[in-house]
C-alpha atoms as a PDB file:
ATOM      1  CA  MET A   1      -0.022  -0.052   0.387  1.00  0.00           C
ATOM      2  CA  TYR A   2       2.658   2.404   0.730  1.00  0.00           C
ATOM      3  CA  ARG A   3       4.247   2.504  -3.041  1.00  0.00           C
ATOM      4  CA  LEU A   4       0.218   2.643  -4.261  1.00  0.00           C
ATOM      5  CA  SER A   5       0.489   5.740  -1.331  1.00  0.00           C
ATOM      6  CA  TRP A   6       3.139   7.396  -3.081  1.00  0.00           C
ATOM      7  CA  TRP A   7       1.742   6.944  -6.628  1.00  0.00           C
ATOM      8  CA  MET A   8      -1.236   8.672  -6.034  1.00  0.00           C
ATOM      9  CA  ARG A   9       0.482  11.551  -4.060  1.00  0.00           C
ATOM     10  CA  SER A  10       2.923  12.019  -6.840  1.00  0.00           C
ATOM     11  CA  VAL A  11       0.484  12.015 -10.018  1.00  0.00           C
ATOM     12  CA  GLY A  12      -1.717  14.329  -7.317  1.00  0.00           C
ATOM     13  CA  ALA A  13       0.528  16.917  -6.953  1.00  0.00           C
ATOM     14  CA  LEU A  14       1.376  16.954 -10.417  1.00  0.00           C
ATOM     15  CA  TYR A  15      -2.280  17.220 -11.743  1.00  0.00           C
ATOM     16  CA  LEU A  16      -2.207  20.086  -8.972  1.00  0.00           C
ATOM     17  CA  VAL A  17       0.510  21.948 -10.799  1.00  0.00           C
ATOM     18  CA  LEU A  18      -1.046  20.958 -14.573  1.00  0.00           C
ATOM     19  CA  PHE A  19      -4.076  22.402 -12.457  1.00  0.00           C
ATOM     20  CA  VAL A  20      -2.315  25.980 -11.737  1.00  0.00           C
ATOM     21  CA  ALA A  21      -0.024  25.901 -14.726  1.00  0.00           C
ATOM     22  CA  ALA A  22      -3.819  25.746 -17.110  1.00  0.00           C
ATOM     23  CA  THR A  23      -6.204  27.651 -15.029  1.00  0.00           C
ATOM     24  CA  ILE A  24      -3.848  30.562 -14.156  1.00  0.00           C
ATOM     25  CA  LEU A  25      -1.161  30.840 -15.716  1.00  0.00           C
ATOM     26  CA  ARG A  26      -2.380  29.693 -18.989  1.00  0.00           C
ATOM     27  CA  VAL A  27       0.608  28.077 -19.766  1.00  0.00           C
ATOM     28  CA  PRO A  28      -0.743  24.845 -22.494  1.00  0.00           C
ATOM     29  CA  ILE A  29      -2.569  28.414 -24.318  1.00  0.00           C
ATOM     30  CA  ARG A  30       0.605  30.151 -24.676  1.00  0.00           C
ATOM     31  CA  VAL A  31       2.912  27.462 -25.876  1.00  0.00           C
ATOM     32  CA  GLU A  32       0.387  25.193 -28.079  1.00  0.00           C
ATOM     33  CA  GLY A  33      -2.071  27.617 -28.775  1.00  0.00           C
ATOM     34  CA  PRO A  34      -2.363  30.262 -32.214  1.00  0.00           C
ATOM     35  CA  GLU A  35       0.053  33.316 -31.317  1.00  0.00           C
ATOM     36  CA  GLY A  36      -2.481  35.953 -29.765  1.00  0.00           C
ATOM     37  CA  VAL A  37      -5.398  34.130 -28.473  1.00  0.00           C
ATOM     38  CA  LEU A  38      -5.241  35.261 -25.295  1.00  0.00           C
ATOM     39  CA  GLU A  39      -4.718  38.753 -25.770  1.00  0.00           C
ATOM     40  CA  ARG A  40      -7.989  38.617 -28.388  1.00  0.00           C
ATOM     41  CA  ALA A  41      -9.817  36.693 -25.692  1.00  0.00           C
ATOM     42  CA  ALA A  42      -9.331  39.417 -23.534  1.00  0.00           C
ATOM     43  CA  LEU A  43     -10.935  41.472 -26.317  1.00  0.00           C
ATOM     44  CA  GLY A  44     -14.232  39.464 -26.106  1.00  0.00           C
ATOM     45  CA  ASP A  45     -13.242  37.381 -29.568  1.00  0.00           C
ATOM     46  CA  PRO A  46     -15.705  34.411 -28.766  1.00  0.00           C
ATOM     47  CA  THR A  47     -13.763  31.371 -30.341  1.00  0.00           C
ATOM     48  CA  SER A  48     -10.596  32.839 -28.583  1.00  0.00           C
ATOM     49  CA  LYS A  49     -12.611  32.821 -25.106  1.00  0.00           C
ATOM     50  CA  PHE A  50     -13.880  29.330 -25.634  1.00  0.00           C
ATOM     51  CA  VAL A  51     -10.341  28.435 -26.134  1.00  0.00           C
ATOM     52  CA  VAL A  52      -9.015  29.853 -23.077  1.00  0.00           C
ATOM     53  CA  ASP A  53     -12.240  28.586 -21.140  1.00  0.00           C
ATOM     54  CA  THR A  54     -11.531  24.578 -22.426  1.00  0.00           C
ATOM     55  CA  TRP A  55      -8.377  24.984 -21.281  1.00  0.00           C
ATOM     56  CA  VAL A  56      -9.317  26.752 -17.669  1.00  0.00           C
ATOM     57  CA  THR A  57     -12.071  23.566 -17.704  1.00  0.00           C
ATOM     58  CA  PHE A  58      -9.731  20.841 -18.401  1.00  0.00           C
ATOM     59  CA  GLY A  59      -7.643  22.486 -15.679  1.00  0.00           C
ATOM     60  CA  LEU A  60     -10.269  22.305 -13.111  1.00  0.00           C
ATOM     61  CA  ALA A  61     -11.070  18.689 -14.148  1.00  0.00           C
ATOM     62  CA  LEU A  62      -7.126  18.226 -13.132  1.00  0.00           C
ATOM     63  CA  GLY A  63      -7.661  20.221 -10.398  1.00  0.00           C
ATOM     64  CA  VAL A  64     -10.423  17.901  -9.156  1.00  0.00           C
ATOM     65  CA  LEU A  65      -8.484  14.493  -9.927  1.00  0.00           C
ATOM     66  CA  GLY A  66      -5.442  16.077  -7.749  1.00  0.00           C
ATOM     67  CA  ALA A  67      -7.011  16.810  -4.804  1.00  0.00           C
ATOM     68  CA  ALA A  68      -8.995  13.280  -5.038  1.00  0.00           C
ATOM     69  CA  LEU A  69      -5.858  11.624  -5.335  1.00  0.00           C
ATOM     70  CA  LEU A  70      -4.389  13.420  -2.196  1.00  0.00           C
ATOM     71  CA  ILE A  71      -7.050  12.643   0.116  1.00  0.00           C
ATOM     72  CA  ALA A  72      -7.526   8.897  -0.768  1.00  0.00           C
ATOM     73  CA  SER A  73      -3.684   8.775  -0.204  1.00  0.00           C
ATOM     74  CA  ARG A  74      -4.122   8.516   3.139  1.00  0.00           C
ATOM     75  CA  LYS A  75      -6.118   5.730   2.823  1.00  0.00           C
ATOM     76  CA  PRO A  76      -4.991   3.792  -0.695  1.00  0.00           C
ATOM     77  CA  ALA A  77      -6.634   0.259   0.197  1.00  0.00           C
ATOM     78  CA  GLY A  78     -10.653   2.049  -0.651  1.00  0.00           C
ATOM     79  CA  ALA A  79      -8.865   3.763  -3.783  1.00  0.00           C
ATOM     80  CA  GLN A  80      -7.870   1.223  -6.053  1.00  0.00           C
ATOM     81  CA  THR A  81     -11.250   2.059  -8.235  1.00  0.00           C
ATOM     82  CA  LEU A  82      -9.811   5.723  -8.336  1.00  0.00           C
ATOM     83  CA  ALA A  83      -6.147   4.569  -9.017  1.00  0.00           C
ATOM     84  CA  TRP A  84      -7.764   2.508 -12.097  1.00  0.00           C
ATOM     85  CA  THR A  85      -9.751   5.580 -13.638  1.00  0.00           C
ATOM     86  CA  VAL A  86      -6.657   7.820 -13.447  1.00  0.00           C
ATOM     87  CA  ILE A  87      -4.822   5.226 -15.140  1.00  0.00           C
ATOM     88  CA  GLY A  88      -8.104   4.821 -18.310  1.00  0.00           C
ATOM     89  CA  ASN A  89      -7.828   8.693 -18.437  1.00  0.00           C
ATOM     90  CA  GLU A  90      -4.199   8.582 -19.186  1.00  0.00           C
ATOM     91  CA  LEU A  91      -4.051   6.134 -21.683  1.00  0.00           C
ATOM     92  CA  PHE A  92      -7.812   7.213 -23.302  1.00  0.00           C
ATOM     93  CA  CYS A  93      -7.967  10.766 -22.347  1.00  0.00           C
ATOM     94  CA  GLY A  94      -4.136  11.602 -22.612  1.00  0.00           C
ATOM     95  CA  ILE A  95      -2.662   9.971 -24.966  1.00  0.00           C
ATOM     96  CA  GLY A  96      -5.778   9.639 -27.310  1.00  0.00           C
ATOM     97  CA  SER A  97      -5.503  13.422 -27.342  1.00  0.00           C
ATOM     98  CA  ASP A  98      -1.900  13.912 -27.804  1.00  0.00           C
ATOM     99  CA  VAL A  99      -2.108  11.502 -30.343  1.00  0.00           C
ATOM    100  CA  TYR A 100      -5.092  13.413 -32.086  1.00  0.00           C
ATOM    101  CA  LYS A 101      -3.573  16.783 -32.251  1.00  0.00           C
ATOM    102  CA  ILE A 102      -0.756  15.036 -33.985  1.00  0.00           C
ATOM    103  CA  LEU A 103      -2.745  13.523 -36.331  1.00  0.00           C
ATOM    104  CA  ARG A 104      -4.010  17.097 -36.460  1.00  0.00           C
ATOM    105  CA  GLY A 105      -0.952  18.789 -38.009  1.00  0.00           C
ATOM    106  CA  TYR A 106      -0.464  19.912 -34.663  1.00  0.00           C
ATOM    107  CA  GLU A 107       2.691  20.916 -33.736  1.00  0.00           C
ATOM    108  CA  MET A 108       4.924  17.482 -31.967  1.00  0.00           C
ATOM    109  CA  THR A 109       6.895  18.255 -29.237  1.00  0.00           C
ATOM    110  CA  ALA A 110       4.492  19.028 -26.903  1.00  0.00           C
ATOM    111  CA  PRO A 111       2.208  15.956 -27.704  1.00  0.00           C
ATOM    112  CA  ALA A 112       5.062  13.931 -27.873  1.00  0.00           C
ATOM    113  CA  VAL A 113       6.999  14.773 -24.291  1.00  0.00           C
ATOM    114  CA  TRP A 114       3.225  14.401 -22.976  1.00  0.00           C
ATOM    115  CA  ILE A 115       2.965  11.018 -24.352  1.00  0.00           C
ATOM    116  CA  VAL A 116       5.943  10.055 -22.617  1.00  0.00           C
ATOM    117  CA  ILE A 117       4.745  11.678 -19.129  1.00  0.00           C
ATOM    118  CA  HIS A 118       1.472   9.562 -19.453  1.00  0.00           C
ATOM    119  CA  VAL A 119       3.341   6.304 -20.316  1.00  0.00           C
ATOM    120  CA  VAL A 120       5.188   6.985 -17.167  1.00  0.00           C
ATOM    121  CA  ILE A 121       2.303   7.289 -15.503  1.00  0.00           C
ATOM    122  CA  ILE A 122       0.323   4.698 -16.566  1.00  0.00           C
ATOM    123  CA  LEU A 123       3.085   1.886 -16.482  1.00  0.00           C
ATOM    124  CA  THR A 124       4.101   3.205 -12.649  1.00  0.00           C
ATOM    125  CA  GLY A 125       0.291   3.526 -11.584  1.00  0.00           C
ATOM    126  CA  LEU A 126      -0.769  -0.496 -12.920  1.00  0.00           C
ATOM    127  CA  TRP A 127       2.876  -1.453 -11.259  1.00  0.00           C
ATOM    128  CA  VAL A 128       1.804  -0.215  -7.775  1.00  0.00           C
ATOM    129  CA  VAL A 129      -2.065  -1.661  -8.327  1.00  0.00           C
ATOM    130  CA  ARG A 130      -1.333  -4.820  -9.537  1.00  0.00           C
ATOM    131  CA  ARG A 131       1.295  -4.798  -6.793  1.00  0.00           C
ATOM    132  CA  TRP A 132      -0.722  -4.217  -4.064  1.00  0.00           C
ATOM    133  CA  ASP A 133      -3.634  -6.343  -5.767  1.00  0.00           C
ATOM    134  CA  VAL A 134      -1.146  -9.518  -5.830  1.00  0.00           C
ATOM    135  CA  ALA A 135      -0.291  -8.317  -1.700  1.00  0.00           C
ATOM    136  CA  GLN A 136      -3.654  -8.425  -1.446  1.00  0.00           C
ATOM    137  CA  VAL A 137      -4.631 -11.911  -2.543  1.00  0.00           C
ATOM    138  CA  ALA A 138      -1.574 -13.429  -0.741  1.00  0.00           C
ATOM    139  CA  ALA A 139      -2.653 -11.821   2.932  1.00  0.00           C
ATOM    140  CA  GLU A 140      -5.972 -13.729   2.472  1.00  0.00           C
END
């Protein structure tokens, strides 16, 4: 359970950093967004506002997951479903959205880096959850 707790704390902390980056600092928009989109959003351009609002919404979702992971890390025995949810989210939403961006012709650097991060979270998550499962079976 110790490893599962620390995995949840690590991923939860990362998600909270990403929450701040997306909702307050607007880093993803500055790095990946069209040039000038923040300025146009501030002037009321509806499409630019939609881009900003979409990233803020995404950041809020990461913030909720991050907080849930940190809270649940105190009692990981009852939080396996949350860990599996994060693993699935990383696979389908994380890698899926990055592959989608690449296929749509976006600059590859940021999505490629994120794919590596998603894979690390998935593999380490699978390792700690499966290790915990084996320990639980052995204890029974």
